[in-house]
Amino acid sequence: MMGNYTKGLTERRHHTQLKDGYCLICGTFGPLSWDHVPPQGSITITKVEQAHLNEVMGINPAPVIGVKSPNGSKFKTICKHCNSSHLGTNDQEVARVYKGISDKIKDYFLRADSPVNHVHMPFDGMRFCRAMVGHVLSATTVKECQREPVPIPYYVPLQKFVMGDDTATDETHDFYTWFYPHRKHISIKMFACRNHGHLATLSLLSFFPLAFLITEKGQGIYPSGATPMKPTDKTLYVKLDSGHLPYAAFPNAGLEGDQMILLHDSQAIVSYPI
């Protein structure tokens, strides 16, 4: 009986509880701190369930009972200093941008005579990107915190950028954003995408109303509605063409022909309000 019950539980339950470990941003060993992803202030905090993305997507996904949280989706994978100094101080800009863009998108769809197909608003690209990259790095399994960190070329510039190096990603990564009209939150620390013979390494964080994508410099694969953004940008643009909406949610492509997605289940998490 117990075997049948646990069979319906998400594997995510094995990847959430750890008191001490290596911070996934600065690499120091010590007590780990809860990081809210999406960050507090950018969404309305509700009771949610977390599961691995591969458990809930596919042709015939089996019913799964997720890990419940009474106050939003959380990850205990970074130290208190990184959480407060590098993420918390910049999350206010994420919250401001998400509220502002939400209001503009609402106004756009209430107006049938809008002469443009996008919305825009002033923002601090450095603070916004730094917070979003930090949450991408933290939103994963605690098992990564149990091993002494080894420098990984894809992550090192991102970690340096979050810790304050404004130019760390200039030659290594590109950032994109687009309108994401869905209630579920998706975080994928790393995945690979193949499209027309080209293979790219990517990271994704999606929660209403924006998706944020990290790609290798000049090598990225991104959906048609995506807009490139730089930490030095002062204005955020978001396309709202209806033709892009089918590709707003992961996997962001039709997966036709040679298009393929490869990901590790414990690094791809979905959370949804309950």
Protein backbone atom coordinates (compact mmCIF):
# COMPACT_ATOMS: atom_id res chain seq x y z
CA MET A 1 0.00 0.00 0.00
CA MET A 2 2.80 2.39 0.94
CA GLY A 3 4.58 1.55 -2.31
CA ASN A 4 1.56 2.56 -4.36
CA TYR A 5 1.27 5.84 -2.41
CA THR A 6 4.91 6.89 -2.78
CA LYS A 7 4.78 6.03 -6.46
CA GLY A 8 2.43 8.98 -6.93
CA LEU A 9 4.66 11.45 -5.06
CA THR A 10 6.97 13.79 -6.92
CA GLU A 11 10.70 13.02 -6.89
CA ARG A 12 11.14 16.67 -5.99
CA ARG A 13 10.63 15.69 -2.33
CA HIS A 14 14.16 14.20 -2.32
CA HIS A 15 15.73 17.49 -3.46
CA THR A 16 14.48 20.11 -1.00
CA GLN A 17 15.73 19.55 2.58
CA LEU A 18 19.28 20.45 3.59
CA LYS A 19 20.53 22.54 6.52
CA ASP A 20 24.17 23.15 5.63
CA GLY A 21 25.89 22.98 2.27
CA TYR A 22 27.85 24.82 -0.41
CA CYS A 23 26.19 28.02 -1.64
CA LEU A 24 25.45 27.76 -5.35
CA ILE A 25 26.43 31.40 -5.91
CA CYS A 26 29.56 32.11 -3.84
CA GLY A 27 30.58 28.50 -3.13
CA THR A 28 31.11 28.91 0.63
CA PHE A 29 30.06 26.12 3.00
CA GLY A 30 27.63 26.87 5.81
CA PRO A 31 23.95 27.28 6.70
CA LEU A 32 21.70 27.57 3.67
CA SER A 33 18.93 30.14 3.29
CA TRP A 34 15.49 29.88 1.67
CA ASP A 35 15.25 31.75 -1.63
CA HIS A 36 11.79 32.51 -3.02
CA VAL A 37 11.58 31.87 -6.77
CA PRO A 38 9.72 33.83 -8.10
CA PRO A 39 11.00 36.51 -5.72
CA GLN A 40 8.63 37.95 -3.14
CA GLY A 41 6.94 41.12 -4.32
CA SER A 42 6.90 40.12 -7.99
CA ILE A 43 3.84 37.87 -7.62
CA THR A 44 1.01 37.28 -5.19
CA ILE A 45 2.30 34.70 -2.73
CA THR A 46 -0.01 31.68 -2.50
CA LYS A 47 0.10 28.03 -1.51
CA VAL A 48 1.89 26.09 -4.26
CA GLU A 49 3.02 22.61 -5.23
CA GLN A 50 6.43 21.87 -6.72
CA ALA A 51 7.24 18.98 -9.02
CA HIS A 52 9.83 18.09 -11.60
CA LEU A 53 8.89 19.37 -15.02
CA ASN A 54 9.28 15.98 -16.68
CA GLU A 55 6.64 14.58 -14.29
CA VAL A 56 3.91 16.89 -15.51
CA MET A 57 4.67 17.31 -19.20
CA GLY A 58 4.69 14.83 -22.04
CA ILE A 59 2.19 12.79 -24.01
CA ASN A 60 0.62 10.97 -21.06
CA PRO A 61 1.92 12.45 -17.79
CA ALA A 62 0.89 10.44 -14.72
CA PRO A 63 -0.87 12.25 -11.84
CA VAL A 64 1.72 13.34 -9.28
CA ILE A 65 1.45 14.86 -5.80
CA GLY A 66 3.85 17.78 -5.57
CA VAL A 67 5.82 19.19 -2.64
CA LYS A 68 3.51 21.70 -0.96
CA SER A 69 4.53 25.12 0.34
CA PRO A 70 2.14 27.51 2.12
CA ASN A 71 3.99 30.65 0.99
CA GLY A 72 5.29 30.30 -2.55
CA SER A 73 7.98 28.28 -4.28
CA LYS A 74 11.26 28.15 -2.33
CA PHE A 75 14.76 26.71 -2.79
CA LYS A 76 17.28 26.23 0.03
CA THR A 77 20.51 26.32 -1.99
CA ILE A 78 22.27 29.62 -1.25
CA CYS A 79 23.80 31.29 1.80
CA LYS A 80 22.13 34.11 3.72
CA HIS A 81 24.67 36.69 2.52
CA CYS A 82 24.08 35.96 -1.16
CA ASN A 83 20.33 35.81 -0.57
CA SER A 84 20.15 39.22 1.09
CA SER A 85 23.07 41.14 -0.44
CA HIS A 86 23.06 39.94 -4.05
CA LEU A 87 19.43 38.93 -4.61
CA GLY A 88 17.27 40.66 -2.00
CA THR A 89 18.65 44.13 -2.73
CA ASN A 90 17.82 43.70 -6.44
CA ASP A 91 14.48 41.90 -6.10
CA GLN A 92 12.77 45.24 -5.56
CA GLU A 93 13.53 46.11 -9.18
CA VAL A 94 12.14 42.76 -10.35
CA ALA A 95 8.95 43.39 -8.38
CA ARG A 96 8.62 46.92 -9.79
CA VAL A 97 9.15 45.72 -13.36
CA TYR A 98 6.71 42.81 -13.07
CA LYS A 99 3.99 45.03 -11.62
CA GLY A 100 4.57 47.74 -14.19
CA ILE A 101 4.62 45.38 -17.15
CA SER A 102 1.52 43.54 -15.84
CA ASP A 103 -0.40 46.82 -15.73
CA LYS A 104 0.76 47.79 -19.23
CA ILE A 105 -0.15 44.38 -20.66
CA LYS A 106 -3.60 44.58 -19.09
CA ASP A 107 -4.15 48.02 -20.62
CA TYR A 108 -2.87 46.78 -23.99
CA PHE A 109 -5.37 43.92 -24.21
CA LEU A 110 -8.24 46.13 -23.05
CA ARG A 111 -7.57 48.46 -25.96
CA ALA A 112 -8.53 47.00 -29.33
CA ASP A 113 -7.17 50.00 -31.23
CA SER A 114 -3.57 49.97 -30.02
CA PRO A 115 -1.29 51.13 -32.86
CA VAL A 116 1.74 49.19 -31.54
CA ASN A 117 2.37 45.51 -30.82
CA HIS A 118 4.54 45.89 -27.73
CA VAL A 119 4.79 47.55 -24.34
CA HIS A 120 7.82 49.10 -22.75
CA MET A 121 8.93 50.72 -19.50
CA PRO A 122 12.09 52.20 -17.98
CA PHE A 123 14.06 49.81 -15.79
CA ASP A 124 17.47 49.18 -14.24
CA GLY A 125 18.78 46.37 -16.43
CA MET A 126 21.73 45.63 -14.16
CA ARG A 127 19.66 45.13 -11.03
CA PHE A 128 16.95 43.22 -12.89
CA CYS A 129 19.34 40.83 -14.66
CA ARG A 130 21.46 40.30 -11.55
CA ALA A 131 18.44 39.21 -9.52
CA MET A 132 17.00 36.99 -12.24
CA VAL A 133 20.33 35.25 -12.91
CA GLY A 134 20.77 34.67 -9.18
CA HIS A 135 17.37 33.02 -8.91
CA VAL A 136 18.15 30.83 -11.93
CA LEU A 137 21.30 29.61 -10.16
CA SER A 138 19.45 28.89 -6.91
CA ALA A 139 16.35 27.19 -8.32
CA THR A 140 17.57 23.60 -8.40
CA THR A 141 18.19 20.55 -6.24
CA VAL A 142 19.91 20.76 -2.83
CA LYS A 143 22.04 17.80 -3.91
CA GLU A 144 24.20 20.28 -5.81
CA CYS A 145 25.02 21.87 -2.43
CA GLN A 146 26.39 18.62 -1.03
CA ARG A 147 29.45 18.56 -3.28
CA GLU A 148 32.40 20.93 -3.07
CA PRO A 149 31.96 23.23 -6.07
CA VAL A 150 34.01 22.69 -9.22
CA PRO A 151 34.26 25.64 -11.64
CA ILE A 152 31.92 25.09 -14.60
CA PRO A 153 32.57 27.44 -17.55
CA TYR A 154 28.86 28.04 -18.18
CA TYR A 155 28.13 29.02 -14.57
CA VAL A 156 31.28 30.88 -13.44
CA PRO A 157 30.58 34.15 -15.33
CA LEU A 158 26.97 34.06 -14.12
CA GLN A 159 28.09 33.61 -10.51
CA LYS A 160 30.58 36.48 -10.81
CA PHE A 161 27.89 38.67 -12.35
CA VAL A 162 25.48 38.01 -9.48
CA MET A 163 28.23 38.78 -6.95
CA GLY A 164 28.84 42.22 -8.43
CA ASP A 165 31.02 41.98 -11.55
CA ASP A 166 28.98 44.08 -13.99
CA THR A 167 30.87 42.88 -17.09
CA ALA A 168 31.33 39.18 -16.19
CA THR A 169 28.81 37.95 -18.78
CA ASP A 170 29.55 40.44 -21.57
CA GLU A 171 31.53 37.93 -23.63
CA THR A 172 29.91 34.70 -22.44
CA HIS A 173 26.11 35.02 -22.23
CA ASP A 174 23.07 36.68 -23.80
CA PHE A 175 19.76 37.43 -22.07
CA TYR A 176 16.25 37.42 -23.56
CA THR A 177 12.74 38.07 -22.30
CA TRP A 178 9.19 37.62 -23.64
CA PHE A 179 5.54 37.71 -22.62
CA TYR A 180 4.65 34.63 -20.56
CA PRO A 181 0.82 34.43 -20.07
CA HIS A 182 0.67 31.39 -17.75
CA ARG A 183 0.05 30.80 -14.02
CA LYS A 184 2.59 28.02 -13.54
CA HIS A 185 6.18 28.96 -12.70
CA ILE A 186 9.03 27.19 -14.47
CA SER A 187 12.71 27.24 -13.52
CA ILE A 188 15.34 25.26 -15.42
CA LYS A 189 18.92 25.83 -14.30
CA MET A 190 20.36 24.27 -17.45
CA PHE A 191 19.00 22.48 -20.49
CA ALA A 192 20.10 21.81 -24.05
CA CYS A 193 18.11 22.58 -27.17
CA ARG A 194 18.74 21.36 -30.72
CA ASN A 195 17.25 23.27 -33.65
CA HIS A 196 18.14 22.76 -37.34
CA GLY A 197 21.41 21.06 -36.44
CA HIS A 198 22.47 23.72 -33.90
CA LEU A 199 22.87 22.75 -30.22
CA ALA A 200 22.69 25.37 -27.48
CA THR A 201 22.94 25.42 -23.68
CA LEU A 202 20.23 27.50 -22.01
CA SER A 203 18.69 28.47 -18.66
CA LEU A 204 15.10 29.61 -18.09
CA LEU A 205 12.97 31.29 -15.45
CA SER A 206 9.30 31.90 -16.34
CA PHE A 207 6.52 33.40 -14.24
CA PHE A 208 3.68 35.72 -15.24
CA PRO A 209 4.03 37.99 -17.14
CA LEU A 210 7.65 37.48 -18.28
CA ALA A 211 10.02 34.69 -19.19
CA PHE A 212 13.77 35.23 -18.77
CA LEU A 213 16.23 33.18 -20.83
CA ILE A 214 20.01 32.87 -20.51
CA THR A 215 21.97 31.58 -23.50
CA GLU A 216 25.59 31.14 -24.51
CA LYS A 217 26.95 34.24 -26.25
CA GLY A 218 25.87 34.28 -29.89
CA GLN A 219 24.80 30.63 -29.71
CA GLY A 220 21.33 30.87 -28.24
CA ILE A 221 18.11 29.33 -29.44
CA TYR A 222 15.10 31.39 -28.40
CA PRO A 223 11.37 31.67 -29.25
CA SER A 224 10.13 34.05 -31.92
CA GLY A 225 8.62 36.51 -29.44
CA ALA A 226 11.83 36.98 -27.47
CA THR A 227 13.50 40.38 -27.14
CA PRO A 228 17.22 40.61 -26.38
CA MET A 229 18.18 42.54 -23.27
CA LYS A 230 21.46 43.71 -21.74
CA PRO A 231 22.33 44.62 -18.16
CA THR A 232 23.18 48.11 -19.43
CA ASP A 233 19.69 48.62 -20.88
CA LYS A 234 17.48 51.36 -19.44
CA THR A 235 14.26 50.39 -21.23
CA LEU A 236 12.53 47.00 -21.28
CA TYR A 237 10.55 46.04 -24.41
CA VAL A 238 8.03 43.19 -24.52
CA LYS A 239 6.36 42.02 -27.75
CA LEU A 240 2.67 41.13 -27.54
CA ASP A 241 1.98 39.75 -31.02
CA SER A 242 -0.56 36.93 -30.70
CA GLY A 243 1.41 34.79 -33.16
CA HIS A 244 4.15 34.32 -30.56
CA LEU A 245 1.85 33.02 -27.81
CA PRO A 246 2.02 29.30 -28.79
CA TYR A 247 5.78 29.44 -28.09
CA ALA A 248 5.65 31.37 -24.83
CA ALA A 249 5.61 28.26 -22.61
CA PHE A 250 8.30 25.59 -22.39
CA PRO A 251 9.53 23.93 -24.58
CA ASN A 252 9.04 27.17 -26.59
CA ALA A 253 9.19 25.31 -29.90
CA GLY A 254 7.11 22.81 -31.83
CA LEU A 255 9.68 20.03 -31.40
CA GLU A 256 9.36 19.11 -35.05
CA GLY A 257 11.97 17.65 -37.37
CA ASP A 258 15.33 17.58 -35.57
CA GLN A 259 14.19 19.89 -32.73
CA MET A 260 14.95 18.28 -29.38
CA ILE A 261 15.16 19.24 -25.70
CA LEU A 262 17.50 17.59 -23.17
CA LEU A 263 17.32 18.33 -19.47
CA HIS A 264 18.05 16.82 -16.06
CA ASP A 265 14.86 16.22 -14.10
CA SER A 266 16.15 17.62 -10.78
CA GLN A 267 17.19 20.92 -12.44
CA ALA A 268 13.80 21.53 -14.08
CA ILE A 269 11.08 22.48 -11.62
CA VAL A 270 7.50 23.60 -12.09
CA SER A 271 5.37 25.15 -9.34
CA TYR A 272 1.71 25.96 -9.56
CA PRO A 273 -0.85 27.60 -7.23
CA ILE A 274 -3.22 25.27 -5.39
